[in-house]
Amino acid sequence: MSALLSNAILLSLFIFVLAMVLTSIRLFKGPSAQDRVLALDYLYIIAMLMMLVLGIRYASDMYFEAALLIALFGFVASFALAKFLLRGEVIE
């Protein structure tokens, strides 16, 4: 792996960690439930992106499969939380 790619991966991981910290602050401090749900959505997106970057770094397919699972479960969780906030129940 070239030095440029290695440095870019390290920089992107640092930025993702910083974004996770700022999003966690919004998650715990958010003034409304909608802000907290959006912060949770953003957290799973950041986690998925971190897994993709780690997959590039270590050249492993397992990271890409984990990112796919995170995306799938994150979408389902977002849908359930949105339905709960809208109607007050998930299962009708």
C-alpha atoms as a PDB file:
ATOM      1  CA  MET A   1       0.000   0.000   0.000  1.00  0.00           C
ATOM      2  CA  SER A   2       1.351   3.414  -0.898  1.00  0.00           C
ATOM      3  CA  ALA A   3       2.133   6.049   1.705  1.00  0.00           C
ATOM      4  CA  LEU A   4      -0.481   8.392   0.249  1.00  0.00           C
ATOM      5  CA  LEU A   5      -3.245   5.800   0.554  1.00  0.00           C
ATOM      6  CA  SER A   6      -2.165   4.887   4.074  1.00  0.00           C
ATOM      7  CA  ASN A   7      -2.198   8.523   5.175  1.00  0.00           C
ATOM      8  CA  ALA A   8      -5.578   9.122   3.522  1.00  0.00           C
ATOM      9  CA  ILE A   9      -7.053   6.121   5.336  1.00  0.00           C
ATOM     10  CA  LEU A  10      -5.711   7.297   8.683  1.00  0.00           C
ATOM     11  CA  LEU A  11      -7.028  10.818   8.092  1.00  0.00           C
ATOM     12  CA  SER A  12     -10.471   9.552   7.078  1.00  0.00           C
ATOM     13  CA  LEU A  13     -10.670   7.280  10.132  1.00  0.00           C
ATOM     14  CA  PHE A  14      -9.735  10.222  12.375  1.00  0.00           C
ATOM     15  CA  ILE A  15     -12.437  12.371  10.784  1.00  0.00           C
ATOM     16  CA  PHE A  16     -14.993   9.569  11.187  1.00  0.00           C
ATOM     17  CA  VAL A  17     -14.116   9.218  14.881  1.00  0.00           C
ATOM     18  CA  LEU A  18     -14.492  12.974  15.327  1.00  0.00           C
ATOM     19  CA  ALA A  19     -17.875  12.849  13.579  1.00  0.00           C
ATOM     20  CA  MET A  20     -18.948   9.975  15.856  1.00  0.00           C
ATOM     21  CA  VAL A  21     -18.021  11.965  18.956  1.00  0.00           C
ATOM     22  CA  LEU A  22     -19.957  15.022  17.779  1.00  0.00           C
ATOM     23  CA  THR A  23     -22.936  12.880  16.798  1.00  0.00           C
ATOM     24  CA  SER A  24     -22.883  11.113  20.176  1.00  0.00           C
ATOM     25  CA  ILE A  25     -23.087  14.496  21.861  1.00  0.00           C
ATOM     26  CA  ARG A  26     -26.166  15.281  19.754  1.00  0.00           C
ATOM     27  CA  LEU A  27     -27.602  11.862  20.574  1.00  0.00           C
ATOM     28  CA  PHE A  28     -27.372  12.376  24.329  1.00  0.00           C
ATOM     29  CA  LYS A  29     -28.113  16.109  24.355  1.00  0.00           C
ATOM     30  CA  GLY A  30     -30.680  16.390  21.577  1.00  0.00           C
ATOM     31  CA  PRO A  31     -33.614  18.588  22.464  1.00  0.00           C
ATOM     32  CA  SER A  32     -36.194  16.345  20.809  1.00  0.00           C
ATOM     33  CA  ALA A  33     -36.728  12.700  19.954  1.00  0.00           C
ATOM     34  CA  GLN A  34     -36.456  13.470  16.241  1.00  0.00           C
ATOM     35  CA  ASP A  35     -32.948  14.892  16.763  1.00  0.00           C
ATOM     36  CA  ARG A  36     -31.938  11.757  18.610  1.00  0.00           C
ATOM     37  CA  VAL A  37     -33.276   9.487  15.856  1.00  0.00           C
ATOM     38  CA  LEU A  38     -31.396  11.458  13.206  1.00  0.00           C
ATOM     39  CA  ALA A  39     -28.211  11.257  15.292  1.00  0.00           C
ATOM     40  CA  LEU A  40     -28.662   7.495  15.585  1.00  0.00           C
ATOM     41  CA  ASP A  41     -29.118   7.244  11.810  1.00  0.00           C
ATOM     42  CA  TYR A  42     -25.965   9.240  11.269  1.00  0.00           C
ATOM     43  CA  LEU A  43     -24.072   7.035  13.712  1.00  0.00           C
ATOM     44  CA  TYR A  44     -24.890   3.879  11.801  1.00  0.00           C
ATOM     45  CA  ILE A  45     -23.927   5.560   8.521  1.00  0.00           C
ATOM     46  CA  ILE A  46     -20.580   6.596   9.993  1.00  0.00           C
ATOM     47  CA  ALA A  47     -20.036   3.071  11.351  1.00  0.00           C
ATOM     48  CA  MET A  48     -20.764   1.635   7.931  1.00  0.00           C
ATOM     49  CA  LEU A  49     -18.308   4.023   6.279  1.00  0.00           C
ATOM     50  CA  MET A  50     -15.644   3.174   8.851  1.00  0.00           C
ATOM     51  CA  MET A  51     -16.101  -0.519   8.102  1.00  0.00           C
ATOM     52  CA  LEU A  52     -15.672   0.172   4.383  1.00  0.00           C
ATOM     53  CA  VAL A  53     -12.472   2.138   4.994  1.00  0.00           C
ATOM     54  CA  LEU A  54     -11.136  -0.632   7.221  1.00  0.00           C
ATOM     55  CA  GLY A  55     -12.006  -3.126   4.494  1.00  0.00           C
ATOM     56  CA  ILE A  56      -9.847  -1.156   2.086  1.00  0.00           C
ATOM     57  CA  ARG A  57      -7.064  -0.856   4.669  1.00  0.00           C
ATOM     58  CA  TYR A  58      -6.875  -4.567   5.488  1.00  0.00           C
ATOM     59  CA  ALA A  59      -8.035  -5.861   2.063  1.00  0.00           C
ATOM     60  CA  SER A  60     -10.611  -8.128   3.656  1.00  0.00           C
ATOM     61  CA  ASP A  61     -14.097  -8.966   2.404  1.00  0.00           C
ATOM     62  CA  MET A  62     -15.411  -9.483   5.937  1.00  0.00           C
ATOM     63  CA  TYR A  63     -15.472  -5.736   6.541  1.00  0.00           C
ATOM     64  CA  PHE A  64     -17.582  -5.187   3.447  1.00  0.00           C
ATOM     65  CA  GLU A  65     -20.059  -7.845   4.541  1.00  0.00           C
ATOM     66  CA  ALA A  66     -20.233  -6.267   8.003  1.00  0.00           C
ATOM     67  CA  ALA A  67     -20.875  -2.871   6.394  1.00  0.00           C
ATOM     68  CA  LEU A  68     -23.718  -4.387   4.389  1.00  0.00           C
ATOM     69  CA  LEU A  69     -25.264  -5.832   7.556  1.00  0.00           C
ATOM     70  CA  ILE A  70     -24.914  -2.511   9.374  1.00  0.00           C
ATOM     71  CA  ALA A  71     -26.673  -0.755   6.482  1.00  0.00           C
ATOM     72  CA  LEU A  72     -29.483  -3.311   6.446  1.00  0.00           C
ATOM     73  CA  PHE A  73     -30.124  -3.278  10.185  1.00  0.00           C
ATOM     74  CA  GLY A  74     -29.743   0.501  10.329  1.00  0.00           C
ATOM     75  CA  PHE A  75     -32.419   0.983   7.685  1.00  0.00           C
ATOM     76  CA  VAL A  76     -34.826  -1.339   9.479  1.00  0.00           C
ATOM     77  CA  ALA A  77     -34.156   0.404  12.800  1.00  0.00           C
ATOM     78  CA  SER A  78     -34.697   3.831  11.225  1.00  0.00           C
ATOM     79  CA  PHE A  79     -37.983   2.688   9.754  1.00  0.00           C
ATOM     80  CA  ALA A  80     -39.155   1.276  13.093  1.00  0.00           C
ATOM     81  CA  LEU A  81     -38.155   4.393  15.030  1.00  0.00           C
ATOM     82  CA  ALA A  82     -39.844   6.679  12.507  1.00  0.00           C
ATOM     83  CA  LYS A  83     -43.022   4.631  12.718  1.00  0.00           C
ATOM     84  CA  PHE A  84     -42.871   4.699  16.498  1.00  0.00           C
ATOM     85  CA  LEU A  85     -42.439   8.474  16.576  1.00  0.00           C
ATOM     86  CA  LEU A  86     -45.265   8.944  14.090  1.00  0.00           C
ATOM     87  CA  ARG A  87     -47.868   6.584  15.588  1.00  0.00           C
ATOM     88  CA  GLY A  88     -46.623   5.625  19.020  1.00  0.00           C
ATOM     89  CA  GLU A  89     -46.437   1.916  18.196  1.00  0.00           C
ATOM     90  CA  VAL A  90     -44.344  -0.223  15.886  1.00  0.00           C
ATOM     91  CA  ILE A  91     -46.505  -3.304  15.458  1.00  0.00           C
ATOM     92  CA  GLU A  92     -50.136  -2.705  14.638  1.00  0.00           C
END
